[in-house]
Amino acid sequence: MRVKRGVTSHQKHKKVMKQTKGMQHARRSSIKLGRQGVIRALQYAYRDRRNKKRDLRGLWITRINAAVREHGVTYSAFTASLKKNNVELDRKILSELAVNHPAAIEALVKLK
């Protein structure tokens, strides 16, 4: 007796169509184009999970630099003085301080 594969195919197609939710045009309705779109989307997602870390680090540095320049210090001089005084705060925390607690950044700048 032959095996009919309609149920399996239908399940695979449903899975692809569920993943294409929010896409436009034929990717949303065509199985073939939808599968291509899902593969591409997953590649971008994988790549951008790594790029996100890179982008956030740049944002943190920009925020810290803007905050310390208000006190007449450059970012590189500020980080050098922190290292010299054994202050072990990472860029993420320093960025949060720069945005939410400017007085704390001012105190850190005065360490020199």
C-alpha atoms as a PDB file:
ATOM      1  CA  MET A   1       0.000   0.000   0.000  1.00  0.00           C
ATOM      2  CA  ARG A   2       1.406   3.397  -0.912  1.00  0.00           C
ATOM      3  CA  VAL A   3       1.938   6.148   1.637  1.00  0.00           C
ATOM      4  CA  LYS A   4       0.191   9.406   0.910  1.00  0.00           C
ATOM      5  CA  ARG A   5       2.234  12.349   2.174  1.00  0.00           C
ATOM      6  CA  GLY A   6      -0.458  15.016   2.191  1.00  0.00           C
ATOM      7  CA  VAL A   7      -0.617  15.315   5.979  1.00  0.00           C
ATOM      8  CA  THR A   8       3.163  15.746   6.350  1.00  0.00           C
ATOM      9  CA  SER A   9       3.344  18.306   3.551  1.00  0.00           C
ATOM     10  CA  HIS A  10       0.426  20.225   5.001  1.00  0.00           C
ATOM     11  CA  GLN A  11       2.128  20.372   8.417  1.00  0.00           C
ATOM     12  CA  LYS A  12       5.377  21.624   6.866  1.00  0.00           C
ATOM     13  CA  HIS A  13       3.502  24.236   4.867  1.00  0.00           C
ATOM     14  CA  LYS A  14       1.589  25.394   7.944  1.00  0.00           C
ATOM     15  CA  LYS A  15       4.875  25.771   9.814  1.00  0.00           C
ATOM     16  CA  VAL A  16       6.341  27.937   7.029  1.00  0.00           C
ATOM     17  CA  MET A  17       3.191  30.037   6.733  1.00  0.00           C
ATOM     18  CA  LYS A  18       3.193  30.645  10.482  1.00  0.00           C
ATOM     19  CA  GLN A  19       6.785  31.911  10.257  1.00  0.00           C
ATOM     20  CA  THR A  20       5.983  34.247   7.351  1.00  0.00           C
ATOM     21  CA  LYS A  21       3.396  36.146   9.365  1.00  0.00           C
ATOM     22  CA  GLY A  22       4.072  39.838   8.860  1.00  0.00           C
ATOM     23  CA  MET A  23       5.893  39.440   5.535  1.00  0.00           C
ATOM     24  CA  GLN A  24       4.543  41.051   2.403  1.00  0.00           C
ATOM     25  CA  HIS A  25       3.440  40.029  -1.076  1.00  0.00           C
ATOM     26  CA  ALA A  26       4.071  36.489  -2.347  1.00  0.00           C
ATOM     27  CA  ARG A  27       6.246  35.548   0.639  1.00  0.00           C
ATOM     28  CA  ARG A  28       3.112  35.594   2.724  1.00  0.00           C
ATOM     29  CA  SER A  29       1.067  33.332   0.449  1.00  0.00           C
ATOM     30  CA  SER A  30       3.518  31.204  -1.553  1.00  0.00           C
ATOM     31  CA  ILE A  31       5.206  28.229   0.091  1.00  0.00           C
ATOM     32  CA  LYS A  32       8.314  28.391  -2.100  1.00  0.00           C
ATOM     33  CA  LEU A  33       8.904  32.131  -1.673  1.00  0.00           C
ATOM     34  CA  GLY A  34       7.857  31.945   1.954  1.00  0.00           C
ATOM     35  CA  ARG A  35      10.478  29.303   2.675  1.00  0.00           C
ATOM     36  CA  GLN A  36      13.138  31.485   1.025  1.00  0.00           C
ATOM     37  CA  GLY A  37      11.998  34.463   3.080  1.00  0.00           C
ATOM     38  CA  VAL A  38      12.106  32.497   6.328  1.00  0.00           C
ATOM     39  CA  ILE A  39      15.631  31.232   5.617  1.00  0.00           C
ATOM     40  CA  ARG A  40      16.817  34.766   4.864  1.00  0.00           C
ATOM     41  CA  ALA A  41      15.073  36.168   7.934  1.00  0.00           C
ATOM     42  CA  LEU A  42      16.706  33.585  10.190  1.00  0.00           C
ATOM     43  CA  GLN A  43      20.132  34.384   8.702  1.00  0.00           C
ATOM     44  CA  TYR A  44      19.625  38.080   9.397  1.00  0.00           C
ATOM     45  CA  ALA A  45      18.419  37.324  12.920  1.00  0.00           C
ATOM     46  CA  TYR A  46      21.521  35.230  13.655  1.00  0.00           C
ATOM     47  CA  ARG A  47      23.869  37.877  12.268  1.00  0.00           C
ATOM     48  CA  ASP A  48      22.127  40.775  13.956  1.00  0.00           C
ATOM     49  CA  ARG A  49      22.142  39.175  17.399  1.00  0.00           C
ATOM     50  CA  ARG A  50      25.906  39.636  17.215  1.00  0.00           C
ATOM     51  CA  ASN A  51      25.771  43.086  15.603  1.00  0.00           C
ATOM     52  CA  LYS A  52      23.407  44.275  18.339  1.00  0.00           C
ATOM     53  CA  LYS A  53      26.170  43.869  20.908  1.00  0.00           C
ATOM     54  CA  ARG A  54      28.520  45.895  18.698  1.00  0.00           C
ATOM     55  CA  ASP A  55      25.957  48.658  18.181  1.00  0.00           C
ATOM     56  CA  LEU A  56      25.085  48.935  21.876  1.00  0.00           C
ATOM     57  CA  ARG A  57      28.745  49.221  22.865  1.00  0.00           C
ATOM     58  CA  GLY A  58      29.104  52.138  20.431  1.00  0.00           C
ATOM     59  CA  LEU A  59      26.006  53.788  21.876  1.00  0.00           C
ATOM     60  CA  TRP A  60      27.341  53.430  25.422  1.00  0.00           C
ATOM     61  CA  ILE A  61      30.670  54.999  24.448  1.00  0.00           C
ATOM     62  CA  THR A  62      28.891  57.905  22.736  1.00  0.00           C
ATOM     63  CA  ARG A  63      26.762  58.569  25.817  1.00  0.00           C
ATOM     64  CA  ILE A  64      29.745  58.443  28.171  1.00  0.00           C
ATOM     65  CA  ASN A  65      31.757  60.736  25.888  1.00  0.00           C
ATOM     66  CA  ALA A  66      28.930  63.284  25.740  1.00  0.00           C
ATOM     67  CA  ALA A  67      28.549  63.249  29.528  1.00  0.00           C
ATOM     68  CA  VAL A  68      32.246  63.676  30.348  1.00  0.00           C
ATOM     69  CA  ARG A  69      32.817  66.368  27.719  1.00  0.00           C
ATOM     70  CA  GLU A  70      30.379  68.560  29.668  1.00  0.00           C
ATOM     71  CA  HIS A  71      33.068  68.525  32.358  1.00  0.00           C
ATOM     72  CA  GLY A  72      35.924  69.234  29.936  1.00  0.00           C
ATOM     73  CA  VAL A  73      37.328  65.698  29.684  1.00  0.00           C
ATOM     74  CA  THR A  74      37.571  63.393  26.693  1.00  0.00           C
ATOM     75  CA  TYR A  75      36.361  59.806  26.731  1.00  0.00           C
ATOM     76  CA  SER A  76      39.860  58.365  26.454  1.00  0.00           C
ATOM     77  CA  ALA A  77      41.205  60.527  29.286  1.00  0.00           C
ATOM     78  CA  PHE A  78      38.194  59.598  31.407  1.00  0.00           C
ATOM     79  CA  THR A  79      38.654  55.850  30.890  1.00  0.00           C
ATOM     80  CA  ALA A  80      42.392  56.195  31.572  1.00  0.00           C
ATOM     81  CA  SER A  81      41.708  57.949  34.888  1.00  0.00           C
ATOM     82  CA  LEU A  82      39.170  55.273  35.849  1.00  0.00           C
ATOM     83  CA  LYS A  83      41.734  52.554  35.143  1.00  0.00           C
ATOM     84  CA  LYS A  84      44.418  54.429  37.110  1.00  0.00           C
ATOM     85  CA  ASN A  85      42.077  54.724  40.118  1.00  0.00           C
ATOM     86  CA  ASN A  86      40.999  51.050  39.887  1.00  0.00           C
ATOM     87  CA  VAL A  87      37.343  51.865  39.183  1.00  0.00           C
ATOM     88  CA  GLU A  88      35.907  48.733  37.572  1.00  0.00           C
ATOM     89  CA  LEU A  89      32.649  49.930  36.049  1.00  0.00           C
ATOM     90  CA  ASP A  90      31.829  48.668  32.582  1.00  0.00           C
ATOM     91  CA  ARG A  91      30.611  50.870  29.741  1.00  0.00           C
ATOM     92  CA  LYS A  92      26.986  49.801  30.135  1.00  0.00           C
ATOM     93  CA  ILE A  93      26.842  50.943  33.766  1.00  0.00           C
ATOM     94  CA  LEU A  94      28.754  54.154  33.024  1.00  0.00           C
ATOM     95  CA  SER A  95      26.267  54.884  30.236  1.00  0.00           C
ATOM     96  CA  GLU A  96      23.328  54.394  32.610  1.00  0.00           C
ATOM     97  CA  LEU A  97      24.998  56.737  35.095  1.00  0.00           C
ATOM     98  CA  ALA A  98      25.581  59.308  32.346  1.00  0.00           C
ATOM     99  CA  VAL A  99      21.905  59.287  31.372  1.00  0.00           C
ATOM    100  CA  ASN A 100      20.206  58.942  34.766  1.00  0.00           C
ATOM    101  CA  HIS A 101      22.728  60.180  37.359  1.00  0.00           C
ATOM    102  CA  PRO A 102      24.913  63.016  36.007  1.00  0.00           C
ATOM    103  CA  ALA A 103      26.197  63.791  39.518  1.00  0.00           C
ATOM    104  CA  ALA A 104      27.798  60.354  39.697  1.00  0.00           C
ATOM    105  CA  ILE A 105      29.647  60.978  36.426  1.00  0.00           C
ATOM    106  CA  GLU A 106      30.795  64.339  37.758  1.00  0.00           C
ATOM    107  CA  ALA A 107      32.209  62.622  40.857  1.00  0.00           C
ATOM    108  CA  LEU A 108      34.019  60.079  38.678  1.00  0.00           C
ATOM    109  CA  VAL A 109      35.490  62.847  36.500  1.00  0.00           C
ATOM    110  CA  LYS A 110      36.858  64.589  39.607  1.00  0.00           C
ATOM    111  CA  LEU A 111      38.827  61.468  40.644  1.00  0.00           C
ATOM    112  CA  LYS A 112      41.771  62.215  38.335  1.00  0.00           C
END
